[in-house]
Amino acid sequence: MKSDEHLAKSLLKIREDGFPPPWSSITGKSRVHLLRYLVVATYTWFLIKFWNDLELRAIMLFGFGFLLGAFITEIKFLWRIGSAWKFTEKITDWPLVAQIANHREESPSEPGD
């Protein structure tokens, strides 16, 4: 789970840079995206290789549909957040977010100090 400080910094970064377009969820370069495309490529390879096996084809098409639905759901989710961003900017207490982002909790002293 991410800390409040990390989330506040992310929110300030989005405020400065503007809300990213929904298509950025497809073209990102993080490990999650690489894993996602690896799974899609593996599914596609299995689907091509075992197209003649009717039972396996049905299972693979179901899984492929599930992955496609996940992509579409993520894009729709980001699209809705992006459309509501102007309202979010108006109601957010930005000085409080900046205070949380800059907040440094004192680390507990080491035993034996």
N, C-alpha and C. Protein backbone atom coordinates (compact mmCIF):
# COMPACT_ATOMS: atom_id res chain seq x y z
N MET A 1 0.84 -1.18 0.00
CA MET A 1 0.00 0.00 0.00
C MET A 1 0.89 1.25 0.00
N LYS A 2 0.53 2.20 -0.81
CA LYS A 2 1.34 3.41 -0.94
C LYS A 2 1.00 4.36 0.20
N SER A 3 2.00 5.11 0.61
CA SER A 3 1.82 6.06 1.71
C SER A 3 1.05 7.29 1.22
N ASP A 4 0.51 8.02 2.18
CA ASP A 4 -0.20 9.25 1.85
C ASP A 4 0.73 10.26 1.19
N GLU A 5 1.97 10.29 1.64
CA GLU A 5 2.95 11.21 1.07
C GLU A 5 3.18 10.91 -0.41
N HIS A 6 3.33 9.63 -0.73
CA HIS A 6 3.55 9.24 -2.13
C HIS A 6 2.33 9.58 -2.99
N LEU A 7 1.14 9.31 -2.47
CA LEU A 7 -0.08 9.61 -3.23
C LEU A 7 -0.26 11.11 -3.42
N ALA A 8 0.08 11.90 -2.41
CA ALA A 8 -0.04 13.36 -2.53
C ALA A 8 0.94 13.88 -3.57
N LYS A 9 2.18 13.34 -3.59
CA LYS A 9 3.15 13.76 -4.61
C LYS A 9 2.65 13.41 -6.01
N SER A 10 2.03 12.24 -6.15
CA SER A 10 1.49 11.83 -7.46
C SER A 10 0.37 12.77 -7.89
N LEU A 11 -0.48 13.17 -6.95
CA LEU A 11 -1.58 14.08 -7.26
C LEU A 11 -1.06 15.44 -7.68
N LEU A 12 -0.02 15.93 -7.00
CA LEU A 12 0.58 17.21 -7.39
C LEU A 12 1.23 17.12 -8.77
N LYS A 13 1.85 16.00 -9.07
CA LYS A 13 2.47 15.81 -10.39
C LYS A 13 1.41 15.82 -11.49
N ILE A 14 0.27 15.17 -11.24
CA ILE A 14 -0.82 15.18 -12.22
C ILE A 14 -1.34 16.59 -12.40
N ARG A 15 -1.42 17.35 -11.29
CA ARG A 15 -1.91 18.73 -11.40
C ARG A 15 -0.97 19.56 -12.26
N GLU A 16 0.34 19.38 -12.10
CA GLU A 16 1.31 20.16 -12.87
C GLU A 16 1.33 19.74 -14.34
N ASP A 17 1.34 18.44 -14.60
CA ASP A 17 1.48 17.92 -15.97
C ASP A 17 0.16 17.81 -16.71
N GLY A 18 -0.95 17.85 -15.99
CA GLY A 18 -2.25 17.62 -16.61
C GLY A 18 -2.59 16.13 -16.56
N PHE A 19 -3.86 15.84 -16.61
CA PHE A 19 -4.28 14.44 -16.52
C PHE A 19 -3.90 13.71 -17.80
N PRO A 20 -3.27 12.53 -17.68
CA PRO A 20 -2.83 11.82 -18.89
C PRO A 20 -4.02 11.30 -19.69
N PRO A 21 -3.85 11.19 -21.00
CA PRO A 21 -4.94 10.65 -21.81
C PRO A 21 -5.15 9.16 -21.49
N PRO A 22 -6.37 8.67 -21.67
CA PRO A 22 -6.65 7.25 -21.36
C PRO A 22 -5.77 6.28 -22.12
N TRP A 23 -5.32 6.67 -23.32
CA TRP A 23 -4.52 5.75 -24.12
C TRP A 23 -3.15 5.50 -23.51
N SER A 24 -2.75 6.34 -22.54
CA SER A 24 -1.44 6.13 -21.91
C SER A 24 -1.41 4.83 -21.11
N SER A 25 -2.57 4.31 -20.74
CA SER A 25 -2.60 3.04 -20.01
C SER A 25 -2.20 1.88 -20.91
N ILE A 26 -2.30 2.06 -22.21
CA ILE A 26 -1.92 1.00 -23.15
C ILE A 26 -0.45 1.11 -23.54
N THR A 27 0.04 2.34 -23.60
CA THR A 27 1.39 2.55 -24.12
C THR A 27 2.42 2.78 -23.03
N GLY A 28 2.09 2.54 -21.78
CA GLY A 28 3.04 2.75 -20.69
C GLY A 28 4.23 1.81 -20.78
N LYS A 29 5.28 2.11 -20.03
CA LYS A 29 6.49 1.30 -20.09
C LYS A 29 6.78 0.59 -18.77
N SER A 30 5.81 0.48 -17.92
CA SER A 30 6.06 -0.15 -16.63
C SER A 30 6.04 -1.67 -16.76
N ARG A 31 6.45 -2.34 -15.71
CA ARG A 31 6.49 -3.80 -15.71
C ARG A 31 5.11 -4.40 -15.89
N VAL A 32 4.09 -3.72 -15.38
CA VAL A 32 2.72 -4.23 -15.51
C VAL A 32 2.34 -4.30 -16.98
N HIS A 33 2.68 -3.27 -17.73
CA HIS A 33 2.35 -3.27 -19.16
C HIS A 33 3.12 -4.34 -19.90
N LEU A 34 4.37 -4.53 -19.56
CA LEU A 34 5.16 -5.57 -20.21
C LEU A 34 4.58 -6.95 -19.92
N LEU A 35 4.19 -7.18 -18.68
CA LEU A 35 3.57 -8.45 -18.31
C LEU A 35 2.24 -8.63 -19.05
N ARG A 36 1.48 -7.57 -19.13
CA ARG A 36 0.19 -7.63 -19.81
C ARG A 36 0.36 -8.02 -21.28
N TYR A 37 1.32 -7.40 -21.96
CA TYR A 37 1.53 -7.71 -23.37
C TYR A 37 2.12 -9.09 -23.56
N LEU A 38 2.91 -9.55 -22.61
CA LEU A 38 3.43 -10.91 -22.66
C LEU A 38 2.29 -11.92 -22.57
N VAL A 39 1.33 -11.67 -21.69
CA VAL A 39 0.18 -12.56 -21.56
C VAL A 39 -0.65 -12.55 -22.84
N VAL A 40 -0.88 -11.38 -23.42
CA VAL A 40 -1.66 -11.29 -24.66
C VAL A 40 -0.92 -12.02 -25.79
N ALA A 41 0.39 -11.85 -25.88
CA ALA A 41 1.16 -12.53 -26.93
C ALA A 41 1.11 -14.04 -26.74
N THR A 42 1.21 -14.50 -25.50
CA THR A 42 1.13 -15.94 -25.22
C THR A 42 -0.24 -16.49 -25.59
N TYR A 43 -1.29 -15.78 -25.23
CA TYR A 43 -2.64 -16.21 -25.60
C TYR A 43 -2.79 -16.28 -27.11
N THR A 44 -2.30 -15.27 -27.80
CA THR A 44 -2.41 -15.25 -29.25
C THR A 44 -1.65 -16.42 -29.87
N TRP A 45 -0.44 -16.69 -29.36
CA TRP A 45 0.36 -17.80 -29.88
C TRP A 45 -0.37 -19.13 -29.67
N PHE A 46 -0.92 -19.35 -28.45
CA PHE A 46 -1.67 -20.58 -28.19
C PHE A 46 -2.88 -20.69 -29.10
N LEU A 47 -3.56 -19.56 -29.29
CA LEU A 47 -4.76 -19.57 -30.14
C LEU A 47 -4.41 -19.96 -31.57
N ILE A 48 -3.32 -19.44 -32.10
CA ILE A 48 -2.91 -19.79 -33.46
C ILE A 48 -2.44 -21.24 -33.55
N LYS A 49 -1.64 -21.66 -32.56
CA LYS A 49 -1.06 -23.00 -32.59
C LYS A 49 -2.12 -24.10 -32.44
N PHE A 50 -3.09 -23.87 -31.57
CA PHE A 50 -4.08 -24.92 -31.27
C PHE A 50 -5.47 -24.56 -31.80
N TRP A 51 -5.54 -23.89 -32.95
CA TRP A 51 -6.84 -23.47 -33.51
C TRP A 51 -7.73 -24.66 -33.84
N ASN A 52 -7.16 -25.78 -34.22
CA ASN A 52 -7.96 -26.94 -34.62
C ASN A 52 -8.58 -27.68 -33.44
N ASP A 53 -8.05 -27.51 -32.24
CA ASP A 53 -8.61 -28.15 -31.05
C ASP A 53 -9.77 -27.29 -30.55
N LEU A 54 -10.99 -27.76 -30.78
CA LEU A 54 -12.19 -26.98 -30.51
C LEU A 54 -12.31 -26.59 -29.03
N GLU A 55 -12.06 -27.53 -28.13
CA GLU A 55 -12.21 -27.24 -26.70
C GLU A 55 -11.20 -26.19 -26.24
N LEU A 56 -9.95 -26.37 -26.64
CA LEU A 56 -8.91 -25.41 -26.25
C LEU A 56 -9.15 -24.05 -26.91
N ARG A 57 -9.67 -24.06 -28.13
CA ARG A 57 -9.98 -22.80 -28.81
C ARG A 57 -11.04 -22.03 -28.03
N ALA A 58 -12.05 -22.71 -27.54
CA ALA A 58 -13.10 -22.04 -26.78
C ALA A 58 -12.54 -21.44 -25.49
N ILE A 59 -11.69 -22.18 -24.82
CA ILE A 59 -11.09 -21.68 -23.57
C ILE A 59 -10.20 -20.47 -23.86
N MET A 60 -9.40 -20.55 -24.92
CA MET A 60 -8.50 -19.46 -25.25
C MET A 60 -9.26 -18.21 -25.71
N LEU A 61 -10.32 -18.38 -26.48
CA LEU A 61 -11.12 -17.23 -26.89
C LEU A 61 -11.80 -16.58 -25.70
N PHE A 62 -12.24 -17.39 -24.74
CA PHE A 62 -12.83 -16.84 -23.52
C PHE A 62 -11.78 -16.00 -22.77
N GLY A 63 -10.58 -16.54 -22.61
CA GLY A 63 -9.52 -15.81 -21.93
C GLY A 63 -9.11 -14.55 -22.67
N PHE A 64 -9.06 -14.64 -23.99
CA PHE A 64 -8.72 -13.48 -24.81
C PHE A 64 -9.78 -12.40 -24.67
N GLY A 65 -11.04 -12.80 -24.65
CA GLY A 65 -12.14 -11.85 -24.44
C GLY A 65 -12.06 -11.20 -23.07
N PHE A 66 -11.68 -11.98 -22.08
CA PHE A 66 -11.52 -11.45 -20.73
C PHE A 66 -10.43 -10.38 -20.69
N LEU A 67 -9.29 -10.65 -21.35
CA LEU A 67 -8.20 -9.67 -21.40
C LEU A 67 -8.62 -8.40 -22.15
N LEU A 68 -9.32 -8.59 -23.25
CA LEU A 68 -9.79 -7.44 -24.02
C LEU A 68 -10.76 -6.60 -23.18
N GLY A 69 -11.63 -7.27 -22.45
CA GLY A 69 -12.56 -6.56 -21.56
C GLY A 69 -11.83 -5.79 -20.48
N ALA A 70 -10.74 -6.35 -19.96
CA ALA A 70 -9.95 -5.65 -18.94
C ALA A 70 -9.32 -4.38 -19.52
N PHE A 71 -8.80 -4.46 -20.75
CA PHE A 71 -8.24 -3.27 -21.40
C PHE A 71 -9.31 -2.19 -21.58
N ILE A 72 -10.46 -2.59 -22.08
CA ILE A 72 -11.54 -1.62 -22.33
C ILE A 72 -12.03 -1.00 -21.03
N THR A 73 -12.14 -1.80 -19.98
CA THR A 73 -12.59 -1.28 -18.70
C THR A 73 -11.60 -0.26 -18.15
N GLU A 74 -10.31 -0.54 -18.27
CA GLU A 74 -9.30 0.40 -17.78
C GLU A 74 -9.34 1.71 -18.55
N ILE A 75 -9.50 1.63 -19.87
CA ILE A 75 -9.56 2.85 -20.67
C ILE A 75 -10.80 3.66 -20.32
N LYS A 76 -11.95 2.99 -20.16
CA LYS A 76 -13.18 3.70 -19.78
C LYS A 76 -13.04 4.34 -18.41
N PHE A 77 -12.38 3.64 -17.47
CA PHE A 77 -12.17 4.18 -16.12
C PHE A 77 -11.33 5.45 -16.19
N LEU A 78 -10.22 5.41 -16.93
CA LEU A 78 -9.38 6.60 -17.05
C LEU A 78 -10.09 7.72 -17.80
N TRP A 79 -10.90 7.37 -18.76
CA TRP A 79 -11.67 8.38 -19.51
C TRP A 79 -12.62 9.12 -18.56
N ARG A 80 -13.29 8.38 -17.69
CA ARG A 80 -14.22 9.01 -16.75
C ARG A 80 -13.49 9.87 -15.72
N ILE A 81 -12.37 9.40 -15.23
CA ILE A 81 -11.59 10.20 -14.28
C ILE A 81 -11.12 11.48 -14.97
N GLY A 82 -10.65 11.35 -16.20
CA GLY A 82 -10.20 12.53 -16.95
C GLY A 82 -11.31 13.54 -17.17
N SER A 83 -12.52 13.07 -17.43
CA SER A 83 -13.63 14.00 -17.65
C SER A 83 -14.05 14.69 -16.35
N ALA A 84 -13.80 14.07 -15.21
CA ALA A 84 -14.15 14.66 -13.92
C ALA A 84 -12.99 15.44 -13.32
N TRP A 85 -11.84 15.48 -13.99
CA TRP A 85 -10.65 16.09 -13.41
C TRP A 85 -10.83 17.58 -13.14
N LYS A 86 -11.52 18.31 -14.02
CA LYS A 86 -11.72 19.75 -13.81
C LYS A 86 -12.46 20.00 -12.51
N PHE A 87 -13.44 19.18 -12.22
CA PHE A 87 -14.18 19.31 -10.96
C PHE A 87 -13.29 18.96 -9.77
N THR A 88 -12.49 17.91 -9.93
CA THR A 88 -11.58 17.49 -8.86
C THR A 88 -10.59 18.60 -8.53
N GLU A 89 -10.09 19.29 -9.55
CA GLU A 89 -9.15 20.40 -9.32
C GLU A 89 -9.80 21.52 -8.53
N LYS A 90 -11.09 21.76 -8.77
CA LYS A 90 -11.79 22.85 -8.08
C LYS A 90 -12.01 22.54 -6.60
N ILE A 91 -12.31 21.29 -6.27
CA ILE A 91 -12.70 20.99 -4.90
C ILE A 91 -11.55 20.48 -4.02
N THR A 92 -10.39 20.21 -4.61
CA THR A 92 -9.27 19.69 -3.85
C THR A 92 -8.60 20.80 -3.07
N ASP A 93 -8.27 20.53 -1.83
CA ASP A 93 -7.55 21.48 -0.98
C ASP A 93 -6.05 21.32 -1.28
N TRP A 94 -5.57 22.07 -2.28
CA TRP A 94 -4.20 21.90 -2.77
C TRP A 94 -3.14 22.25 -1.73
N PRO A 95 -3.34 23.27 -0.86
CA PRO A 95 -2.33 23.50 0.19
C PRO A 95 -2.20 22.29 1.14
N LEU A 96 -3.30 21.63 1.42
CA LEU A 96 -3.24 20.45 2.28
C LEU A 96 -2.51 19.31 1.58
N VAL A 97 -2.76 19.14 0.28
CA VAL A 97 -2.07 18.09 -0.48
C VAL A 97 -0.57 18.36 -0.50
N ALA A 98 -0.19 19.63 -0.71
CA ALA A 98 1.24 19.99 -0.71
C ALA A 98 1.85 19.74 0.66
N GLN A 99 1.11 20.03 1.71
CA GLN A 99 1.61 19.79 3.07
C GLN A 99 1.83 18.30 3.31
N ILE A 100 0.91 17.48 2.86
CA ILE A 100 1.05 16.03 3.02
C ILE A 100 2.23 15.52 2.19
N ALA A 101 2.40 16.07 0.98
CA ALA A 101 3.49 15.63 0.11
C ALA A 101 4.86 15.96 0.70
N ASN A 102 4.94 17.06 1.40
CA ASN A 102 6.22 17.49 1.98
C ASN A 102 6.42 16.99 3.40
N HIS A 103 5.45 16.32 3.93
CA HIS A 103 5.54 15.85 5.31
C HIS A 103 6.58 14.75 5.43
N ARG A 104 7.50 14.93 6.34
CA ARG A 104 8.53 13.92 6.59
C ARG A 104 8.37 13.45 8.03
N GLU A 105 7.99 12.22 8.16
CA GLU A 105 7.89 11.67 9.51
C GLU A 105 9.30 11.36 10.02
N GLU A 106 9.51 11.69 11.27
CA GLU A 106 10.81 11.38 11.85
C GLU A 106 10.93 9.88 12.01
N SER A 107 12.03 9.35 11.55
CA SER A 107 12.23 7.93 11.67
C SER A 107 12.58 7.60 13.11
N PRO A 108 12.06 6.49 13.62
CA PRO A 108 12.38 6.14 14.99
C PRO A 108 13.87 5.86 15.13
N SER A 109 14.39 6.21 16.28
CA SER A 109 15.83 6.03 16.49
C SER A 109 16.16 4.55 16.56
N GLU A 110 17.34 4.23 16.13
CA GLU A 110 17.80 2.86 16.12
C GLU A 110 18.01 2.38 17.56
N PRO A 111 17.74 1.10 17.81
CA PRO A 111 18.01 0.61 19.15
C PRO A 111 19.50 0.72 19.45
N GLY A 112 19.78 1.12 20.65
CA GLY A 112 21.17 1.25 21.07
C GLY A 112 21.71 2.64 20.90
N ASP A 113 20.89 3.60 20.36
CA ASP A 113 21.35 4.98 20.21
C ASP A 113 21.17 5.73 21.49
